[in-house]
């Protein structure tokens, strides 16, 4: 699966479980570590765990397996490494503290219209 398609699939999986502040950032030209970061916020540690599990489940159904995970113990910040895409799922407190969007501000943020399904946009909820 192409990096961009993988990032979109992950953002959609997180969105389906009501993640907040979803951002897809292309960092390909800024680092050799990955092509995209998908960043999302959960409403609690339980929600953060459920978001990470759902992303992993949905990608597994597509035949894509996570290479490495970190943070499942504390569930304040869970990282899912798919190689070309790295997912960061935070509690609001951890998201505010680490502020990855600011750290990777030189990256190219994918417009929500590229990853959000049309029926999702119709509900009027802001991200």
N, C-alpha and C. Protein backbone atom coordinates (compact mmCIF):
# COMPACT_ATOMS: atom_id res chain seq x y z
N UNK A 1 0.85 -1.18 0.00
CA UNK A 1 0.00 0.00 0.00
C UNK A 1 0.89 1.24 0.00
N UNK A 2 0.57 2.20 -0.84
CA UNK A 2 1.31 3.45 -0.93
C UNK A 2 1.17 4.25 0.38
N UNK A 3 2.21 5.01 0.70
CA UNK A 3 2.23 5.77 1.96
C UNK A 3 1.01 6.66 2.15
N UNK A 4 0.66 7.41 1.11
CA UNK A 4 -0.47 8.33 1.22
C UNK A 4 -1.76 7.56 1.46
N UNK A 5 -1.97 6.46 0.76
CA UNK A 5 -3.17 5.64 0.94
C UNK A 5 -3.23 5.08 2.36
N UNK A 6 -2.08 4.67 2.87
CA UNK A 6 -2.00 4.13 4.23
C UNK A 6 -2.36 5.22 5.25
N UNK A 7 -1.81 6.41 5.07
CA UNK A 7 -2.10 7.53 5.98
C UNK A 7 -3.59 7.87 5.96
N UNK A 8 -4.18 7.87 4.78
CA UNK A 8 -5.62 8.17 4.65
C UNK A 8 -6.44 7.08 5.35
N UNK A 9 -6.10 5.82 5.13
CA UNK A 9 -6.82 4.72 5.77
C UNK A 9 -6.74 4.82 7.29
N UNK A 10 -5.59 5.19 7.80
CA UNK A 10 -5.42 5.32 9.25
C UNK A 10 -6.22 6.50 9.79
N UNK A 11 -6.20 7.63 9.10
CA UNK A 11 -6.98 8.78 9.54
C UNK A 11 -8.47 8.44 9.56
N UNK A 12 -8.92 7.72 8.56
CA UNK A 12 -10.34 7.33 8.50
C UNK A 12 -10.71 6.37 9.62
N UNK A 13 -9.81 5.44 9.93
CA UNK A 13 -10.07 4.50 11.03
C UNK A 13 -10.18 5.26 12.36
N UNK A 14 -9.30 6.22 12.57
CA UNK A 14 -9.34 7.01 13.80
C UNK A 14 -10.59 7.87 13.85
N UNK A 15 -10.95 8.45 12.72
CA UNK A 15 -12.14 9.28 12.65
C UNK A 15 -13.41 8.48 12.96
N UNK A 16 -13.45 7.24 12.50
CA UNK A 16 -14.61 6.38 12.73
C UNK A 16 -14.83 6.11 14.22
N UNK A 17 -13.75 6.18 15.00
CA UNK A 17 -13.85 5.97 16.46
C UNK A 17 -13.88 7.30 17.22
N UNK A 18 -14.19 8.38 16.50
CA UNK A 18 -14.39 9.70 17.11
C UNK A 18 -13.12 10.34 17.67
N UNK A 19 -11.97 10.10 17.02
CA UNK A 19 -10.75 10.81 17.41
C UNK A 19 -10.95 12.30 17.15
N UNK A 20 -10.25 13.10 17.90
CA UNK A 20 -10.30 14.56 17.74
C UNK A 20 -8.97 15.04 17.15
N UNK A 21 -9.03 16.22 16.56
CA UNK A 21 -7.82 16.90 16.06
C UNK A 21 -6.95 16.02 15.17
N UNK A 22 -7.57 15.31 14.25
CA UNK A 22 -6.80 14.43 13.37
C UNK A 22 -6.03 15.27 12.37
N UNK A 23 -4.74 14.99 12.27
CA UNK A 23 -3.87 15.66 11.31
C UNK A 23 -3.05 14.62 10.58
N UNK A 24 -2.94 14.79 9.27
CA UNK A 24 -2.08 13.95 8.45
C UNK A 24 -1.01 14.88 7.91
N UNK A 25 0.24 14.63 8.27
CA UNK A 25 1.33 15.52 7.90
C UNK A 25 2.37 14.75 7.10
N UNK A 26 2.65 15.24 5.90
CA UNK A 26 3.68 14.64 5.05
C UNK A 26 5.03 15.21 5.48
N UNK A 27 5.91 14.32 5.94
CA UNK A 27 7.24 14.73 6.43
C UNK A 27 8.35 14.08 5.61
N UNK A 28 7.99 13.52 4.47
CA UNK A 28 8.94 12.80 3.61
C UNK A 28 10.21 13.59 3.31
N UNK A 29 10.08 14.87 3.05
CA UNK A 29 11.23 15.71 2.70
C UNK A 29 12.00 16.22 3.92
N UNK A 30 11.48 15.94 5.12
CA UNK A 30 12.09 16.46 6.34
C UNK A 30 12.84 15.43 7.16
N UNK A 31 12.56 14.15 6.94
CA UNK A 31 13.17 13.09 7.73
C UNK A 31 13.24 11.81 6.92
N UNK A 32 14.17 10.97 7.28
CA UNK A 32 14.27 9.66 6.63
C UNK A 32 13.50 8.59 7.41
N UNK A 33 12.91 8.97 8.52
CA UNK A 33 12.24 8.03 9.41
C UNK A 33 10.93 7.52 8.81
N UNK A 34 10.15 8.40 8.17
CA UNK A 34 8.83 8.04 7.68
C UNK A 34 8.38 9.04 6.63
N UNK A 35 7.29 8.73 5.95
CA UNK A 35 6.73 9.65 4.96
C UNK A 35 5.62 10.52 5.55
N UNK A 36 4.82 9.94 6.44
CA UNK A 36 3.67 10.65 7.02
C UNK A 36 3.57 10.41 8.51
N UNK A 37 3.09 11.42 9.22
CA UNK A 37 2.62 11.28 10.59
C UNK A 37 1.11 11.44 10.55
N UNK A 38 0.41 10.57 11.26
CA UNK A 38 -1.02 10.75 11.50
C UNK A 38 -1.13 10.99 12.99
N UNK A 39 -1.67 12.14 13.35
CA UNK A 39 -1.74 12.56 14.75
C UNK A 39 -3.21 12.71 15.13
N UNK A 40 -3.58 12.17 16.30
CA UNK A 40 -4.97 12.27 16.75
C UNK A 40 -5.00 12.35 18.27
N UNK A 41 -6.13 12.83 18.77
CA UNK A 41 -6.32 12.99 20.21
C UNK A 41 -7.55 12.21 20.65
N UNK A 42 -7.41 11.51 21.77
CA UNK A 42 -8.53 10.83 22.39
C UNK A 42 -9.01 11.61 23.59
N UNK A 43 -10.21 11.30 24.05
CA UNK A 43 -10.81 12.03 25.16
C UNK A 43 -10.40 11.51 26.54
N UNK A 44 -9.77 10.33 26.56
CA UNK A 44 -9.33 9.71 27.82
C UNK A 44 -8.29 8.65 27.48
N UNK A 45 -7.64 8.10 28.49
CA UNK A 45 -6.69 7.02 28.23
C UNK A 45 -7.39 5.81 27.64
N UNK A 46 -8.62 5.56 28.07
CA UNK A 46 -9.39 4.44 27.50
C UNK A 46 -9.66 4.68 26.03
N UNK A 47 -10.04 5.90 25.68
CA UNK A 47 -10.31 6.25 24.29
C UNK A 47 -9.04 6.16 23.46
N UNK A 48 -7.92 6.63 24.00
CA UNK A 48 -6.64 6.54 23.28
C UNK A 48 -6.33 5.08 22.96
N UNK A 49 -6.50 4.20 23.92
CA UNK A 49 -6.27 2.77 23.68
C UNK A 49 -7.20 2.21 22.63
N UNK A 50 -8.47 2.60 22.69
CA UNK A 50 -9.46 2.12 21.71
C UNK A 50 -9.12 2.64 20.31
N UNK A 51 -8.67 3.88 20.20
CA UNK A 51 -8.29 4.45 18.90
C UNK A 51 -7.13 3.68 18.30
N UNK A 52 -6.10 3.43 19.10
CA UNK A 52 -4.93 2.69 18.60
C UNK A 52 -5.33 1.28 18.20
N UNK A 53 -6.15 0.63 19.00
CA UNK A 53 -6.60 -0.73 18.68
C UNK A 53 -7.41 -0.75 17.39
N UNK A 54 -8.27 0.24 17.19
CA UNK A 54 -9.10 0.29 15.99
C UNK A 54 -8.24 0.51 14.74
N UNK A 55 -7.28 1.41 14.84
CA UNK A 55 -6.38 1.65 13.70
C UNK A 55 -5.65 0.36 13.34
N UNK A 56 -5.11 -0.31 14.34
CA UNK A 56 -4.40 -1.57 14.11
C UNK A 56 -5.33 -2.63 13.53
N UNK A 57 -6.55 -2.73 14.05
CA UNK A 57 -7.53 -3.71 13.57
C UNK A 57 -7.90 -3.45 12.10
N UNK A 58 -8.22 -2.20 11.79
CA UNK A 58 -8.65 -1.87 10.44
C UNK A 58 -7.54 -2.10 9.41
N UNK A 59 -6.31 -1.74 9.77
CA UNK A 59 -5.20 -1.95 8.83
C UNK A 59 -4.88 -3.43 8.71
N UNK A 60 -5.01 -4.17 9.79
CA UNK A 60 -4.82 -5.62 9.75
C UNK A 60 -5.80 -6.28 8.79
N UNK A 61 -7.03 -5.78 8.77
CA UNK A 61 -8.05 -6.29 7.83
C UNK A 61 -7.64 -6.04 6.38
N UNK A 62 -6.81 -5.02 6.18
CA UNK A 62 -6.34 -4.68 4.83
C UNK A 62 -5.02 -5.40 4.50
N UNK A 63 -4.56 -6.22 5.45
CA UNK A 63 -3.32 -6.96 5.24
C UNK A 63 -2.06 -6.18 5.58
N UNK A 64 -2.22 -5.08 6.32
CA UNK A 64 -1.07 -4.26 6.71
C UNK A 64 -0.87 -4.43 8.21
N UNK A 65 0.31 -4.90 8.58
CA UNK A 65 0.60 -5.13 10.00
C UNK A 65 1.51 -4.05 10.56
N UNK A 66 1.23 -3.68 11.80
CA UNK A 66 2.07 -2.71 12.49
C UNK A 66 3.44 -3.32 12.73
N UNK A 67 4.49 -2.54 12.55
CA UNK A 67 5.86 -3.02 12.76
C UNK A 67 6.26 -2.94 14.23
N UNK A 68 5.77 -1.89 14.89
CA UNK A 68 6.17 -1.66 16.29
C UNK A 68 5.14 -0.76 16.94
N UNK A 69 4.88 -1.00 18.21
CA UNK A 69 4.00 -0.11 18.98
C UNK A 69 4.71 0.28 20.28
N UNK A 70 4.33 1.43 20.77
CA UNK A 70 4.84 1.91 22.06
C UNK A 70 3.72 2.64 22.78
N UNK A 71 3.75 2.60 24.10
CA UNK A 71 2.85 3.41 24.90
C UNK A 71 1.56 2.77 25.34
N UNK A 72 1.31 1.51 25.00
CA UNK A 72 0.05 0.88 25.40
C UNK A 72 -0.09 0.77 26.92
N UNK A 73 1.02 0.76 27.65
CA UNK A 73 0.95 0.64 29.11
C UNK A 73 0.28 1.85 29.75
N UNK A 74 0.77 3.05 29.42
CA UNK A 74 0.23 4.26 30.03
C UNK A 74 -0.93 4.87 29.29
N UNK A 75 -1.02 4.64 28.00
CA UNK A 75 -2.09 5.12 27.12
C UNK A 75 -2.24 6.64 27.11
N UNK A 76 -1.18 7.36 27.41
CA UNK A 76 -1.22 8.82 27.26
C UNK A 76 -0.75 9.20 25.86
N UNK A 77 0.15 8.38 25.31
CA UNK A 77 0.67 8.59 23.97
C UNK A 77 0.99 7.21 23.41
N UNK A 78 0.23 6.77 22.44
CA UNK A 78 0.48 5.48 21.81
C UNK A 78 1.00 5.75 20.40
N UNK A 79 2.09 5.08 20.08
CA UNK A 79 2.71 5.20 18.76
C UNK A 79 2.55 3.87 18.03
N UNK A 80 2.07 3.95 16.79
CA UNK A 80 1.97 2.79 15.92
C UNK A 80 2.86 3.05 14.71
N UNK A 81 3.85 2.20 14.51
CA UNK A 81 4.81 2.39 13.43
C UNK A 81 4.51 1.42 12.29
N UNK A 82 4.10 1.97 11.16
CA UNK A 82 3.83 1.18 9.97
C UNK A 82 4.93 1.36 8.92
N UNK A 83 6.06 1.89 9.34
CA UNK A 83 7.17 2.12 8.42
C UNK A 83 7.02 3.45 7.71
N UNK A 84 6.25 3.48 6.64
CA UNK A 84 6.07 4.71 5.87
C UNK A 84 5.12 5.69 6.53
N UNK A 85 4.39 5.22 7.53
CA UNK A 85 3.45 6.07 8.27
C UNK A 85 3.58 5.74 9.75
N UNK A 86 3.67 6.78 10.56
CA UNK A 86 3.71 6.62 12.01
C UNK A 86 2.50 7.34 12.59
N UNK A 87 1.75 6.62 13.42
CA UNK A 87 0.55 7.16 14.05
C UNK A 87 0.88 7.53 15.49
N UNK A 88 0.44 8.71 15.89
CA UNK A 88 0.58 9.19 17.27
C UNK A 88 -0.83 9.45 17.79
N UNK A 89 -1.23 8.73 18.83
CA UNK A 89 -2.53 8.96 19.45
C UNK A 89 -2.28 9.42 20.89
N UNK A 90 -2.80 10.60 21.21
CA UNK A 90 -2.52 11.26 22.48
C UNK A 90 -3.78 11.47 23.31
N UNK A 91 -3.59 11.62 24.62
CA UNK A 91 -4.60 12.29 25.44
C UNK A 91 -4.45 13.78 25.13
N UNK A 92 -5.43 14.58 25.47
CA UNK A 92 -5.33 16.02 25.20
C UNK A 92 -4.13 16.63 25.91
N UNK A 93 -3.91 16.23 27.15
CA UNK A 93 -2.78 16.76 27.93
C UNK A 93 -1.44 16.45 27.26
N UNK A 94 -1.25 15.21 26.83
CA UNK A 94 -0.01 14.82 26.17
C UNK A 94 0.12 15.52 24.81
N UNK A 95 -0.99 15.64 24.09
CA UNK A 95 -0.99 16.32 22.80
C UNK A 95 -0.52 17.77 22.97
N UNK A 96 -1.09 18.44 23.94
CA UNK A 96 -0.71 19.84 24.20
C UNK A 96 0.76 19.95 24.60
N UNK A 97 1.24 19.02 25.41
CA UNK A 97 2.61 19.06 25.89
C UNK A 97 3.62 18.82 24.77
N UNK A 98 3.41 17.78 23.96
CA UNK A 98 4.39 17.43 22.93
C UNK A 98 4.22 18.24 21.65
N UNK A 99 3.02 18.69 21.34
CA UNK A 99 2.74 19.61 20.24
C UNK A 99 3.50 19.26 18.95
N UNK A 100 3.30 18.04 18.49
CA UNK A 100 4.01 17.57 17.29
C UNK A 100 3.70 18.40 16.06
N UNK A 101 2.49 18.94 15.96
CA UNK A 101 2.16 19.78 14.81
C UNK A 101 3.10 20.98 14.73
N UNK A 102 3.44 21.56 15.87
CA UNK A 102 4.37 22.68 15.89
C UNK A 102 5.79 22.22 15.56
N UNK A 103 6.18 21.09 16.13
CA UNK A 103 7.52 20.55 15.89
C UNK A 103 7.73 20.23 14.41
N UNK A 104 6.69 19.73 13.75
CA UNK A 104 6.78 19.36 12.33
C UNK A 104 6.03 20.36 11.45
N UNK A 105 6.04 21.62 11.84
CA UNK A 105 5.31 22.67 11.12
C UNK A 105 5.78 22.85 9.68
N UNK A 106 7.00 22.45 9.37
CA UNK A 106 7.50 22.55 8.00
C UNK A 106 6.96 21.43 7.11
N UNK A 107 6.28 20.47 7.71
CA UNK A 107 5.65 19.40 6.93
C UNK A 107 4.42 19.92 6.22
N UNK A 108 3.93 19.12 5.30
CA UNK A 108 2.75 19.50 4.52
C UNK A 108 1.52 18.83 5.12
N UNK A 109 0.64 19.62 5.72
CA UNK A 109 -0.58 19.07 6.31
C UNK A 109 -1.59 18.79 5.21
N UNK A 110 -2.05 17.54 5.17
CA UNK A 110 -3.04 17.14 4.18
C UNK A 110 -4.38 17.76 4.54
N UNK A 111 -5.04 18.39 3.59
CA UNK A 111 -6.37 18.94 3.87
C UNK A 111 -7.33 17.82 4.29
N UNK A 112 -8.19 18.14 5.23
CA UNK A 112 -9.16 17.17 5.73
C UNK A 112 -10.02 16.61 4.59
N UNK A 113 -10.27 17.41 3.59
CA UNK A 113 -11.11 16.98 2.47
C UNK A 113 -10.48 15.82 1.68
N UNK A 114 -9.16 15.62 1.83
CA UNK A 114 -8.50 14.52 1.13
C UNK A 114 -8.65 13.18 1.85
N UNK A 115 -8.83 13.20 3.16
CA UNK A 115 -8.94 11.93 3.87
C UNK A 115 -10.32 11.66 4.45
N UNK A 116 -11.08 12.68 4.72
CA UNK A 116 -12.40 12.48 5.32
C UNK A 116 -13.40 12.05 4.25
N UNK A 117 -14.18 11.04 4.57
CA UNK A 117 -15.20 10.56 3.64
C UNK A 117 -16.31 11.60 3.53
N UNK A 118 -16.91 11.76 2.35
CA UNK A 118 -17.94 12.78 2.16
C UNK A 118 -19.09 12.70 3.16
N UNK A 119 -19.54 11.50 3.51
CA UNK A 119 -20.65 11.39 4.46
C UNK A 119 -20.25 11.84 5.86
N UNK A 120 -18.93 11.79 6.17
CA UNK A 120 -18.45 12.26 7.46
C UNK A 120 -18.54 13.78 7.54
N UNK A 121 -18.28 14.47 6.42
CA UNK A 121 -18.30 15.92 6.39
C UNK A 121 -19.71 16.46 6.51
N UNK A 122 -20.69 15.69 6.13
CA UNK A 122 -22.07 16.15 6.13
C UNK A 122 -22.63 16.37 7.53
N UNK A 123 -22.02 15.75 8.54
CA UNK A 123 -22.57 15.87 9.89
C UNK A 123 -22.27 17.21 10.54
N UNK A 124 -21.38 18.01 9.94
CA UNK A 124 -21.11 19.35 10.43
C UNK A 124 -20.18 19.44 11.61
N UNK A 125 -19.64 18.34 12.09
CA UNK A 125 -18.72 18.38 13.22
C UNK A 125 -17.39 18.96 12.80
N UNK A 126 -16.86 19.84 13.59
CA UNK A 126 -15.53 20.43 13.31
C UNK A 126 -14.46 19.53 13.90
N UNK A 127 -13.34 19.49 13.25
CA UNK A 127 -12.19 18.72 13.75
C UNK A 127 -11.17 19.65 14.33
